[in-house]
Amino acid sequence: MAKIIEHGIFWKEDKKKAYPDINIKCPECGNLICMSSYDLYITTPVPELWCICGCKFVPEVEDIVNDIHKTKT
């Protein structure tokens, strides 16, 4: 495995790990699109996603299929 020389923007110092990937469900066809949770929770504005069905949308928290932030209590 590569040795990290300097951490990037996806690194969370308080958790000592990178932001996890999440699956976003396309509102039109239901296809799952993988993106970093950093893009949804930290980046402003949230980047647009393109789906294989041809639609373009801005994901919201309700579109997440699997997310550690929503499943842990």
Protein backbone atom coordinates (compact mmCIF):
# COMPACT_ATOMS: atom_id res chain seq x y z
CA MET A 1 0.00 0.00 0.00
CA ALA A 2 1.20 3.52 -0.75
CA LYS A 3 2.67 5.60 2.04
CA ILE A 4 0.74 8.86 2.51
CA ILE A 5 3.03 11.87 2.60
CA GLU A 6 0.31 14.48 3.11
CA HIS A 7 -3.44 14.04 3.62
CA GLY A 8 -5.91 15.60 1.20
CA ILE A 9 -9.29 17.27 1.59
CA PHE A 10 -11.12 14.00 2.16
CA TRP A 11 -9.22 13.26 5.40
CA LYS A 12 -11.03 13.85 8.70
CA GLU A 13 -8.42 14.52 11.38
CA ASP A 14 -10.83 13.91 14.28
CA LYS A 15 -11.75 10.43 12.95
CA LYS A 16 -8.30 9.60 11.50
CA LYS A 17 -9.87 8.36 8.26
CA ALA A 18 -11.24 9.57 4.95
CA TYR A 19 -14.84 10.56 4.34
CA PRO A 20 -16.71 7.38 3.33
CA ASP A 21 -18.36 6.85 -0.03
CA ILE A 22 -22.15 6.87 -0.16
CA ASN A 23 -24.63 5.61 -2.76
CA ILE A 24 -27.11 8.11 -4.15
CA LYS A 25 -30.31 6.84 -5.79
CA CYS A 26 -31.26 8.47 -9.08
CA PRO A 27 -34.72 10.08 -8.71
CA GLU A 28 -35.75 8.99 -12.22
CA CYS A 29 -34.50 5.44 -12.80
CA GLY A 30 -33.34 4.32 -9.33
CA ASN A 31 -29.74 3.67 -10.44
CA LEU A 32 -27.16 3.93 -7.64
CA ILE A 33 -24.37 6.46 -8.09
CA CYS A 34 -21.34 6.39 -5.80
CA MET A 35 -19.96 9.67 -4.47
CA SER A 36 -17.92 10.82 -1.49
CA SER A 37 -19.89 11.95 1.54
CA TYR A 38 -17.47 14.91 1.57
CA ASP A 39 -19.19 16.26 -1.54
CA LEU A 40 -22.66 16.02 0.01
CA TYR A 41 -21.95 17.24 3.55
CA ILE A 42 -19.03 19.66 3.14
CA THR A 43 -18.92 21.03 -0.42
CA THR A 44 -21.09 24.08 -1.12
CA PRO A 45 -22.85 24.05 -3.48
CA VAL A 46 -23.37 20.30 -3.76
CA PRO A 47 -22.07 19.13 -7.16
CA GLU A 48 -24.51 17.92 -9.79
CA LEU A 49 -24.61 14.22 -10.65
CA TRP A 50 -25.15 12.71 -14.10
CA CYS A 51 -26.92 9.36 -14.28
CA ILE A 52 -26.62 6.72 -16.99
CA CYS A 53 -30.28 7.35 -17.85
CA GLY A 54 -29.30 10.84 -19.00
CA CYS A 55 -30.72 12.94 -16.18
CA LYS A 56 -28.73 15.45 -14.16
CA PHE A 57 -29.67 16.24 -10.56
CA VAL A 58 -28.40 17.75 -7.32
CA PRO A 59 -28.48 15.04 -4.64
CA GLU A 60 -30.03 15.62 -1.23
CA VAL A 61 -29.70 13.69 2.02
CA GLU A 62 -33.02 11.93 1.31
CA ASP A 63 -31.49 10.36 -1.83
CA ILE A 64 -28.84 8.45 0.15
CA VAL A 65 -29.23 4.66 0.13
CA ASN A 66 -26.39 3.74 2.51
CA ASP A 67 -24.71 6.20 4.85
CA ILE A 68 -22.93 5.61 8.12
CA HIS A 69 -24.16 8.98 9.41
CA LYS A 70 -27.81 7.89 9.08
CA THR A 71 -27.44 4.32 10.35
CA LYS A 72 -25.44 4.91 13.55
CA THR A 73 -27.17 6.22 16.64
